[in-house]
Amino acid sequence: MPYQSITTSADSDSAGKLAALRMPEIEGKKFLDLGCNEGFFCGASLVGGAVKAVGVDTGDEFIQDARGHFPGAEFHLQSWDDFLPANDEKFDVILFASAIHYSPDQVNSLDLALHALTEDGTLLLECGIGDPDKAEGIYVRQVRYDGIERLYFTMDSLRNVLKERGYYIFQTFPSVAQGGDAFPRWVFHIRKTKSVILYNFDMPNSGKTYISNFFKAEVAYLSIDQLAHRLMNETPFSLISVGEANVDFFWRTVDALSMTKLAVERICAMISETNAEAAYVEGWLPQSIKQGVLDWLQDTGRPSFNVSLTHGTLVPKTVTPVTCSLRSSGVWFRKELERSHVDHVTAFTTGDVVEFAVTGWYDSRVPATNKFLMFHNGYEIPGQLLIEPHRTDLGGAGRPFLATFKAPADSLDRISLRDYPQFAIEGDNRALYFLDSNRFGELFTRLEMPSSGTPQGFGIWNNNIPTVFTT
């Protein structure tokens, strides 16, 4: 029986796995499948609008069949450990499905795959995740149905290996179960970690230094003034004679002499050089230079926040926007739902999949999200928002939801809704949310006010839920 179900039944439910992968936007992108078998996913990517699809596999018959099925794709009879080092091409989406446990050096194979990603690319890793209680180092050893021992990452070890390389798990989904699986399969969307940039380009004497005291020790500190002093001794900026102490006049003169583009490049280069999780960039800049830096931050997709006493947010000393997280996967906040907020839970089985449909609501003061979690019999099952039903009974205090959760049936113990599952919501978009001061209540805690004046707005983190309110 073939492995991929392209024209006949097969060992693997390829269509089901394609749905479980939740492929990111592929139109106009380049796609690579490591361990492509008969090329099903290369074909699917071409249907989705990929400009190029490449498959790699060591099976001669697989590659011949793949070329026959999908002549528009490119297939190589080669191992990924040989193909990747010899190929300098970068891909927007790389699929590594049902294969990494065959690698003699899984960490090295991950390194090679990550190196082949574009700067904003996504690695789709589908694999079994081992029981952490049985781990030896970063792996769990398990003899499979075929009598061969394989190694499997645990969830934490995979996250740590990725974090050490500057990558993180952006999203996690259950995959399609398959006969002979040693452990439940999961799909991981993996992306490169980008520094969160906090910036303040306000006028002098506006509280920039005071703000820095809240988190200067927690994040990388990048001073516009210190950069100006360095540039004063470098060509062509050294031609400007303004004196070491007059930093503001230096930037005004740079702007007046139409050196704006060069100044923006130097500031952006300073920001790019940091590899910290978060960096605070502060110093006054003329409007044209400031706008050039802000445009660059937006173009590069770096999460960035204006931190200001007058129109931004402050962060308590004890946390930063990156570290106020319960997990290392990039989750920004997680909030457990009270049992009274969950109205109905329905479970039903379709083939090898157990699906839950859950209706309820959560406090509207919590940032809106489409990501839900269910905790059942020791499993953490991710879910997605299906719709926000129209409800009149909540007023403005609650945000209604209908969410669905899917998991392989054999990964769960016997479903019993008498053991009522716990639900939570989480978010990872790092956007700013605002809370009117008259809804402040006892849920949040005020920061200490600065001695000179009262800020118009500042941020609060409590119970790992970020919010902002105005006074």
Protein backbone atom coordinates (compact mmCIF):
# COMPACT_ATOMS: atom_id res chain seq x y z
CA MET A 1 0.00 0.00 0.00
CA PRO A 2 1.42 3.47 -0.86
CA TYR A 3 2.16 5.95 1.93
CA GLN A 4 0.46 9.06 0.52
CA SER A 5 -3.21 8.94 -0.50
CA ILE A 6 -3.05 10.61 -3.90
CA THR A 7 -4.97 8.28 -6.21
CA THR A 8 -5.69 5.34 -3.89
CA SER A 9 -6.07 4.58 -0.19
CA ALA A 10 -2.79 4.65 1.68
CA ASP A 11 -1.07 4.36 5.04
CA SER A 12 -1.26 8.12 5.56
CA ASP A 13 -4.37 10.33 5.29
CA SER A 14 -2.69 13.00 3.17
CA ALA A 15 -5.75 15.22 2.83
CA GLY A 16 -6.38 15.05 6.57
CA LYS A 17 -2.75 15.85 7.28
CA LEU A 18 -2.86 18.81 4.87
CA ALA A 19 -5.80 20.20 6.85
CA ALA A 20 -3.97 19.57 10.14
CA LEU A 21 -0.86 21.39 8.89
CA ARG A 22 -2.81 24.66 8.50
CA MET A 23 -0.44 25.75 5.77
CA PRO A 24 0.45 29.47 5.92
CA GLU A 25 -0.21 31.73 2.94
CA ILE A 26 1.67 30.12 0.04
CA GLU A 27 0.65 32.23 -2.97
CA GLY A 28 3.71 33.75 -4.59
CA LYS A 29 6.02 31.85 -2.19
CA LYS A 30 8.63 29.09 -2.56
CA PHE A 31 7.90 25.72 -0.92
CA LEU A 32 10.23 22.86 0.09
CA ASP A 33 9.15 19.41 1.32
CA LEU A 34 11.84 17.39 3.13
CA GLY A 35 10.93 13.71 2.83
CA CYS A 36 8.36 14.44 0.12
CA ASN A 37 7.41 10.81 -0.63
CA GLU A 38 5.13 10.93 -3.72
CA GLY A 39 4.93 14.74 -3.73
CA PHE A 40 1.38 15.30 -2.40
CA PHE A 41 2.24 18.46 -0.48
CA CYS A 42 4.31 19.89 -3.33
CA GLY A 43 1.26 19.50 -5.52
CA ALA A 44 -0.94 21.10 -2.87
CA SER A 45 1.40 24.08 -2.63
CA LEU A 46 1.26 24.61 -6.41
CA VAL A 47 -2.53 24.53 -6.25
CA GLY A 48 -2.28 27.15 -3.51
CA GLY A 49 -0.29 29.46 -5.78
CA ALA A 50 3.34 28.69 -4.90
CA VAL A 51 5.77 29.97 -7.53
CA LYS A 52 8.09 27.05 -6.87
CA ALA A 53 7.72 23.67 -5.17
CA VAL A 54 10.69 21.41 -4.43
CA GLY A 55 10.58 17.91 -2.96
CA VAL A 56 13.46 15.83 -1.59
CA ASP A 57 13.40 12.10 -0.83
CA THR A 58 15.73 9.10 -0.90
CA GLY A 59 13.13 6.72 -2.36
CA ASP A 60 13.69 6.19 -6.09
CA GLU A 61 10.15 4.97 -6.75
CA PHE A 62 8.70 7.81 -4.68
CA ILE A 63 10.54 10.42 -6.73
CA GLN A 64 9.55 8.81 -10.03
CA ASP A 65 5.89 8.75 -8.95
CA ALA A 66 6.11 12.34 -7.70
CA ARG A 67 7.45 13.56 -11.04
CA GLY A 68 4.61 11.78 -12.78
CA HIS A 69 1.94 13.17 -10.44
CA PHE A 70 3.20 16.76 -10.33
CA PRO A 71 5.36 17.72 -13.32
CA GLY A 72 5.17 21.38 -12.31
CA ALA A 73 7.24 20.69 -9.19
CA GLU A 74 10.94 19.92 -8.87
CA PHE A 75 12.02 16.67 -7.19
CA HIS A 76 15.45 15.48 -6.04
CA LEU A 77 16.51 11.91 -5.29
CA GLN A 78 18.65 12.88 -2.34
CA SER A 79 18.69 12.95 1.46
CA TRP A 80 17.85 16.30 3.07
CA ASP A 81 21.19 16.23 4.91
CA ASP A 82 22.91 16.17 1.50
CA PHE A 83 20.51 18.45 -0.37
CA LEU A 84 20.37 21.35 2.09
CA PRO A 85 24.12 22.04 2.55
CA ALA A 86 24.63 21.96 -1.23
CA ASN A 87 21.76 24.34 -1.96
CA ASP A 88 21.94 28.06 -1.12
CA GLU A 89 18.35 28.78 -2.12
CA LYS A 90 15.99 30.10 0.55
CA PHE A 91 12.37 28.97 0.92
CA ASP A 92 9.36 30.74 2.42
CA VAL A 93 7.70 27.55 3.69
CA ILE A 94 9.55 24.33 4.53
CA LEU A 95 7.64 21.16 5.43
CA PHE A 96 9.34 18.52 7.59
CA ALA A 97 6.54 15.99 8.16
CA SER A 98 6.68 12.46 9.54
CA ALA A 99 10.41 12.36 8.91
CA ILE A 100 12.70 13.93 11.49
CA HIS A 101 12.74 10.84 13.72
CA TYR A 102 14.54 9.03 10.86
CA SER A 103 17.47 11.47 11.06
CA PRO A 104 20.67 10.20 12.74
CA ASP A 105 21.22 13.75 14.06
CA GLN A 106 17.88 15.52 14.48
CA VAL A 107 19.36 18.76 15.84
CA ASN A 108 21.66 19.04 12.82
CA SER A 109 18.74 18.36 10.48
CA LEU A 110 16.77 21.13 12.21
CA ASP A 111 19.75 23.47 11.82
CA LEU A 112 19.93 22.76 8.09
CA ALA A 113 16.20 23.30 7.62
CA LEU A 114 16.19 26.57 9.58
CA HIS A 115 19.17 27.83 7.59
CA ALA A 116 17.20 27.31 4.37
CA LEU A 117 14.32 29.55 5.53
CA THR A 118 13.86 33.10 4.35
CA GLU A 119 14.00 35.80 7.03
CA ASP A 120 10.21 35.68 7.50
CA GLY A 121 9.79 32.02 6.53
CA THR A 122 7.93 29.29 8.38
CA LEU A 123 9.12 25.75 9.13
CA LEU A 124 6.22 23.31 9.45
CA LEU A 125 7.50 20.49 11.66
CA GLU A 126 5.14 17.53 12.09
CA CYS A 127 6.39 14.87 14.48
CA GLY A 128 5.68 12.76 17.54
CA ILE A 129 6.42 14.30 20.93
CA GLY A 130 7.76 12.03 23.66
CA ASP A 131 6.77 11.66 27.29
CA PRO A 132 9.04 14.03 29.30
CA ASP A 133 9.09 11.61 32.23
CA LYS A 134 11.00 9.13 30.02
CA ALA A 135 13.47 11.62 28.54
CA GLU A 136 17.21 10.99 28.42
CA GLY A 137 18.67 14.39 27.72
CA ILE A 138 16.65 16.07 24.98
CA TYR A 139 15.21 12.81 23.57
CA VAL A 140 12.87 10.01 24.52
CA ARG A 141 13.90 6.58 23.20
CA GLN A 142 11.04 4.47 21.90
CA VAL A 143 10.92 1.14 20.06
CA ARG A 144 8.32 1.42 17.30
CA TYR A 145 5.96 -1.18 15.89
CA ASP A 146 8.64 -2.19 13.37
CA GLY A 147 11.08 -3.09 16.17
CA ILE A 148 13.39 -0.13 15.44
CA GLU A 149 14.30 2.30 18.21
CA ARG A 150 13.73 5.98 17.37
CA LEU A 151 14.38 9.24 19.23
CA TYR A 152 11.71 11.85 19.92
CA PHE A 153 11.91 15.38 21.28
CA THR A 154 9.86 16.38 24.30
CA MET A 155 7.85 19.59 24.02
CA ASP A 156 10.25 21.49 26.27
CA SER A 157 13.41 20.14 24.65
CA LEU A 158 12.16 21.11 21.18
CA ARG A 159 11.35 24.62 22.39
CA ASN A 160 14.77 24.96 24.03
CA VAL A 161 16.64 23.72 20.95
CA LEU A 162 14.78 26.27 18.83
CA LYS A 163 15.27 29.09 21.34
CA GLU A 164 19.03 28.50 21.38
CA ARG A 165 18.99 29.06 17.62
CA GLY A 166 16.86 32.19 17.68
CA TYR A 167 13.58 30.53 16.65
CA TYR A 168 10.30 29.89 18.44
CA ILE A 169 7.11 27.87 18.04
CA PHE A 170 4.54 30.32 16.70
CA GLN A 171 1.58 27.91 16.67
CA THR A 172 0.88 24.31 17.71
CA PHE A 173 -1.84 21.99 16.40
CA PRO A 174 -2.62 18.27 16.80
CA SER A 175 -1.88 16.25 13.68
CA VAL A 176 -3.66 13.25 12.18
CA ALA A 177 -3.05 10.00 14.04
CA GLN A 178 -1.50 7.14 12.12
CA GLY A 179 -1.22 3.42 12.81
CA GLY A 180 2.00 2.51 14.60
CA ASP A 181 2.59 5.98 16.08
CA ALA A 182 4.87 5.78 19.12
CA PHE A 183 3.55 9.09 20.47
CA PRO A 184 0.82 11.60 19.54
CA ARG A 185 1.74 13.70 16.51
CA TRP A 186 1.81 17.49 16.60
CA VAL A 187 2.26 20.24 14.03
CA PHE A 188 4.56 23.15 14.91
CA HIS A 189 4.76 26.42 12.99
CA ILE A 190 8.29 27.66 13.64
CA ARG A 191 9.54 31.17 12.89
CA LYS A 192 12.58 33.29 13.57
CA THR A 193 12.48 35.27 16.81
CA LYS A 194 12.56 39.02 16.28
CA SER A 195 13.53 41.50 18.98
CA VAL A 196 10.71 43.56 20.42
CA ILE A 197 11.65 47.22 20.05
CA LEU A 198 10.49 49.76 22.64
CA TYR A 199 11.19 53.30 21.46
CA ASN A 200 10.90 56.87 22.71
CA PHE A 201 11.88 59.75 20.42
CA ASP A 202 10.17 62.48 22.51
CA MET A 203 11.54 65.98 23.06
CA PRO A 204 14.28 66.56 25.65
CA ASN A 205 13.14 66.71 29.30
CA SER A 206 10.00 64.67 28.54
CA GLY A 207 10.77 61.76 30.84
CA LYS A 208 12.77 59.41 28.58
CA THR A 209 15.37 58.73 31.26
CA TYR A 210 12.72 58.23 33.93
CA ILE A 211 10.94 55.69 31.75
CA SER A 212 14.17 53.78 31.12
CA ASN A 213 14.49 53.10 34.85
CA PHE A 214 11.46 50.80 34.65
CA PHE A 215 13.15 48.26 32.41
CA LYS A 216 16.65 49.43 31.47
CA ALA A 217 18.21 46.53 33.39
CA GLU A 218 15.86 44.01 31.75
CA VAL A 219 16.37 44.83 28.06
CA ALA A 220 19.12 46.00 25.71
CA TYR A 221 19.58 49.78 25.99
CA LEU A 222 20.26 51.68 22.76
CA SER A 223 20.96 55.40 23.14
CA ILE A 224 20.44 57.79 20.21
CA ASP A 225 22.64 60.33 22.02
CA GLN A 226 25.53 57.87 22.35
CA LEU A 227 25.23 57.05 18.64
CA ALA A 228 25.37 60.78 17.84
CA HIS A 229 28.66 61.12 19.76
CA ARG A 230 30.15 58.23 17.76
CA LEU A 231 28.96 59.69 14.45
CA MET A 232 30.52 63.07 15.27
CA ASN A 233 33.91 61.38 14.82
CA GLU A 234 33.02 59.52 11.61
CA THR A 235 32.98 60.74 8.01
CA PRO A 236 30.86 62.40 6.67
CA PHE A 237 29.18 63.38 9.95
CA SER A 238 32.51 64.64 11.37
CA LEU A 239 32.26 67.57 8.93
CA ILE A 240 29.45 68.93 11.13
CA SER A 241 30.96 71.06 13.89
CA VAL A 242 28.39 71.44 16.66
CA GLY A 243 30.23 70.45 19.83
CA GLU A 244 30.02 67.21 21.81
CA ALA A 245 27.34 68.50 24.17
CA ASN A 246 24.87 69.70 21.54
CA VAL A 247 23.36 66.42 20.39
CA ASP A 248 19.97 67.88 19.47
CA PHE A 249 21.56 70.52 17.24
CA PHE A 250 23.66 67.78 15.61
CA TRP A 251 20.55 65.87 14.51
CA ARG A 252 18.87 69.08 13.31
CA THR A 253 21.94 69.91 11.24
CA VAL A 254 22.07 66.38 9.79
CA ASP A 255 18.44 66.79 8.74
CA ALA A 256 19.00 70.29 7.30
CA LEU A 257 21.96 69.07 5.22
CA SER A 258 19.78 66.34 3.60
CA MET A 259 21.69 63.57 5.33
CA THR A 260 18.44 62.10 6.63
CA LYS A 261 18.67 58.80 4.71
CA LEU A 262 22.22 58.16 5.94
CA ALA A 263 21.21 58.95 9.53
CA VAL A 264 18.24 56.54 9.32
CA GLU A 265 20.53 53.81 7.99
CA ARG A 266 22.96 54.23 10.90
CA ILE A 267 20.19 54.19 13.52
CA CYS A 268 18.55 51.13 11.95
CA ALA A 269 21.93 49.38 11.78
CA MET A 270 22.36 49.96 15.53
CA ILE A 271 18.93 48.41 16.19
CA SER A 272 19.60 45.48 13.83
CA GLU A 273 22.79 44.54 15.64
CA THR A 274 20.99 43.64 18.86
CA ASN A 275 19.99 40.01 19.35
CA ALA A 276 18.25 40.60 22.68
CA GLU A 277 14.62 39.60 23.18
CA ALA A 278 13.77 43.27 23.68
CA ALA A 279 15.58 46.58 23.22
CA TYR A 280 14.79 50.12 24.40
CA VAL A 281 15.79 52.83 21.90
CA GLU A 282 15.60 56.37 23.25
CA GLY A 283 16.66 59.86 22.18
CA TRP A 284 15.16 62.86 20.44
CA LEU A 285 15.09 62.86 16.62
CA PRO A 286 13.77 65.33 14.03
CA GLN A 287 10.45 64.26 12.50
CA SER A 288 11.87 63.16 9.12
CA ILE A 289 14.57 60.94 10.70
CA LYS A 290 12.12 59.54 13.26
CA GLN A 291 9.61 58.69 10.52
CA GLY A 292 12.30 56.92 8.52
CA VAL A 293 13.14 54.71 11.51
CA LEU A 294 9.46 53.98 12.19
CA ASP A 295 8.89 53.05 8.53
CA TRP A 296 11.85 50.67 8.72
CA LEU A 297 10.49 49.01 11.86
CA GLN A 298 7.17 48.47 10.12
CA ASP A 299 8.75 47.18 6.90
CA THR A 300 10.89 44.64 8.76
CA GLY A 301 7.92 43.35 10.76
CA ARG A 302 9.58 43.89 14.13
CA PRO A 303 7.09 44.14 17.02
CA SER A 304 7.54 47.72 18.24
CA PHE A 305 5.90 49.94 20.84
CA ASN A 306 6.03 53.66 21.50
CA VAL A 307 6.95 54.01 25.18
CA SER A 308 6.09 57.49 26.35
CA LEU A 309 4.79 59.42 29.35
CA THR A 310 2.51 61.37 27.05
CA HIS A 311 1.12 58.93 24.49
CA GLY A 312 2.56 55.48 25.02
CA THR A 313 2.92 52.77 27.63
CA LEU A 314 5.07 52.06 30.62
CA VAL A 315 6.13 48.64 31.83
CA PRO A 316 6.58 47.68 35.51
CA LYS A 317 10.16 47.10 36.64
CA THR A 318 9.57 43.40 37.25
CA VAL A 319 8.49 42.42 33.72
CA THR A 320 8.98 43.28 30.07
CA PRO A 321 6.56 42.80 27.15
CA VAL A 322 8.54 39.67 26.25
CA THR A 323 9.06 38.01 29.60
CA CYS A 324 5.52 38.37 30.94
CA SER A 325 4.77 34.98 29.44
CA LEU A 326 4.03 31.60 30.98
CA ARG A 327 5.79 29.74 28.16
CA SER A 328 8.87 30.21 26.02
CA SER A 329 6.92 29.79 22.78
CA GLY A 330 6.14 33.47 22.33
CA VAL A 331 2.74 33.46 24.05
CA TRP A 332 2.12 36.97 25.33
CA PHE A 333 -0.68 36.22 27.75
CA ARG A 334 -2.75 33.33 28.99
CA LYS A 335 -5.96 33.60 30.96
CA GLU A 336 -7.89 30.65 32.39
CA LEU A 337 -11.65 30.89 31.93
CA GLU A 338 -13.88 30.56 34.94
CA ARG A 339 -16.12 27.52 34.80
CA SER A 340 -19.19 29.75 34.96
CA HIS A 341 -18.08 31.36 31.69
CA VAL A 342 -18.33 28.06 29.76
CA ASP A 343 -21.96 27.39 28.82
CA HIS A 344 -21.90 24.16 26.81
CA VAL A 345 -19.33 21.47 25.93
CA THR A 346 -20.20 18.88 23.30
CA ALA A 347 -17.89 16.02 22.28
CA PHE A 348 -18.24 13.69 19.33
CA THR A 349 -15.99 11.30 17.42
CA THR A 350 -15.37 11.39 13.68
CA GLY A 351 -13.14 8.54 12.55
CA ASP A 352 -9.94 8.78 14.56
CA VAL A 353 -10.58 12.34 15.74
CA VAL A 354 -12.39 13.57 18.83
CA GLU A 355 -13.91 17.01 18.33
CA PHE A 356 -15.19 19.34 21.04
CA ALA A 357 -17.53 22.26 20.38
CA VAL A 358 -17.50 24.77 23.24
CA THR A 359 -19.64 27.86 23.73
CA GLY A 360 -19.14 30.52 26.37
CA TRP A 361 -17.75 33.99 26.94
CA TYR A 362 -14.83 35.83 28.50
CA ASP A 363 -14.28 39.23 30.05
CA SER A 364 -14.21 41.94 27.39
CA ARG A 365 -11.38 43.65 29.28
CA VAL A 366 -9.13 40.81 28.13
CA PRO A 367 -7.63 41.34 24.64
CA ALA A 368 -9.64 39.70 21.86
CA THR A 369 -8.11 36.45 20.60
CA ASN A 370 -8.93 33.48 18.39
CA LYS A 371 -6.74 30.99 20.29
CA PHE A 372 -8.20 28.69 22.90
CA LEU A 373 -6.83 25.85 25.04
CA MET A 374 -8.54 22.88 26.66
CA PHE A 375 -6.95 20.89 29.48
CA HIS A 376 -8.32 17.36 29.64
CA ASN A 377 -6.83 14.30 31.34
CA GLY A 378 -3.38 15.86 31.36
CA TYR A 379 -3.46 16.94 27.70
CA GLU A 380 -3.26 20.51 26.45
CA ILE A 381 -5.40 20.69 23.32
CA PRO A 382 -5.29 23.85 21.17
CA GLY A 383 -8.52 25.16 19.70
CA GLN A 384 -9.68 27.85 17.31
CA LEU A 385 -12.44 30.43 17.37
CA LEU A 386 -15.19 29.40 14.95
CA ILE A 387 -17.54 32.38 15.34
CA GLU A 388 -18.48 35.04 17.87
CA PRO A 389 -22.22 34.39 18.32
CA HIS A 390 -24.57 37.33 18.71
CA ARG A 391 -25.69 37.57 22.34
CA THR A 392 -27.68 40.30 24.05
CA ASP A 393 -27.44 38.94 27.60
CA LEU A 394 -23.79 39.89 28.10
CA GLY A 395 -24.09 43.60 27.43
CA GLY A 396 -20.64 45.06 26.99
CA ALA A 397 -19.06 43.00 29.76
CA GLY A 398 -18.48 39.73 27.88
CA ARG A 399 -17.14 38.56 24.54
CA PRO A 400 -19.02 35.43 23.31
CA PHE A 401 -17.31 32.57 21.48
CA LEU A 402 -17.91 29.24 19.80
CA ALA A 403 -14.59 27.39 19.66
CA THR A 404 -13.65 23.95 18.35
CA PHE A 405 -10.96 21.57 19.59
CA LYS A 406 -9.70 18.49 17.75
CA ALA A 407 -7.40 15.74 18.92
CA PRO A 408 -6.55 12.17 17.85
CA ALA A 409 -8.88 9.78 19.64
CA ASP A 410 -6.06 7.46 20.69
CA SER A 411 -4.18 10.33 22.35
CA LEU A 412 -6.91 10.82 24.93
CA ASP A 413 -8.11 8.67 27.74
CA ARG A 414 -11.80 7.78 27.76
CA ILE A 415 -13.73 11.00 27.26
CA SER A 416 -15.88 11.79 30.27
CA LEU A 417 -17.44 15.21 30.46
CA ARG A 418 -18.25 14.54 34.08
CA ASP A 419 -14.55 15.31 34.59
CA TYR A 420 -15.22 18.83 33.37
CA PRO A 421 -12.30 20.12 31.27
CA GLN A 422 -10.64 23.45 32.03
CA PHE A 423 -10.40 26.09 29.31
CA ALA A 424 -8.13 29.07 28.73
CA ILE A 425 -7.48 31.71 26.10
CA GLU A 426 -4.12 33.01 24.99
CA GLY A 427 -2.66 35.58 22.62
CA ASP A 428 0.66 36.20 20.94
CA ASN A 429 0.17 39.20 18.67
CA ARG A 430 1.73 41.71 21.09
CA ALA A 431 -0.71 44.45 20.08
CA LEU A 432 -1.67 47.22 22.49
CA TYR A 433 -5.12 47.18 24.10
CA PHE A 434 -6.85 49.99 25.92
CA LEU A 435 -9.00 49.92 29.01
CA ASP A 436 -11.05 52.95 30.03
CA SER A 437 -10.15 54.16 33.51
CA ASN A 438 -13.73 53.89 34.79
CA ARG A 439 -13.50 50.09 34.24
CA PHE A 440 -10.26 49.82 36.16
CA GLY A 441 -11.76 48.26 39.30
CA GLU A 442 -9.73 45.87 41.43
CA LEU A 443 -8.51 43.76 38.51
CA PHE A 444 -5.37 45.79 37.88
CA THR A 445 -2.73 47.54 39.98
CA ARG A 446 -1.54 51.10 39.43
CA LEU A 447 2.09 51.86 38.79
CA GLU A 448 3.85 54.43 40.93
CA MET A 449 3.29 57.87 39.46
CA PRO A 450 6.35 59.92 38.42
CA SER A 451 7.16 62.76 40.81
CA SER A 452 6.95 65.36 38.05
CA GLY A 453 3.44 65.33 36.64
CA THR A 454 0.90 62.65 35.90
CA PRO A 455 1.15 60.48 32.78
CA GLN A 456 -1.82 60.47 30.43
CA GLY A 457 -1.52 56.74 29.87
CA PHE A 458 0.61 53.82 30.91
CA GLY A 459 0.60 50.04 30.74
CA ILE A 460 -0.29 47.48 33.36
CA TRP A 461 0.57 43.80 33.49
CA ASN A 462 -1.36 41.70 35.99
CA ASN A 463 -2.00 37.94 35.96
CA ASN A 464 -0.05 37.87 32.69
CA ILE A 465 -2.75 39.93 30.94
CA PRO A 466 -1.32 43.10 29.39
CA THR A 467 -3.56 46.12 29.08
CA VAL A 468 -3.38 49.89 28.95
CA PHE A 469 -5.66 52.40 30.56
CA THR A 470 -5.83 56.17 30.45
CA THR A 471 -6.10 58.48 33.42
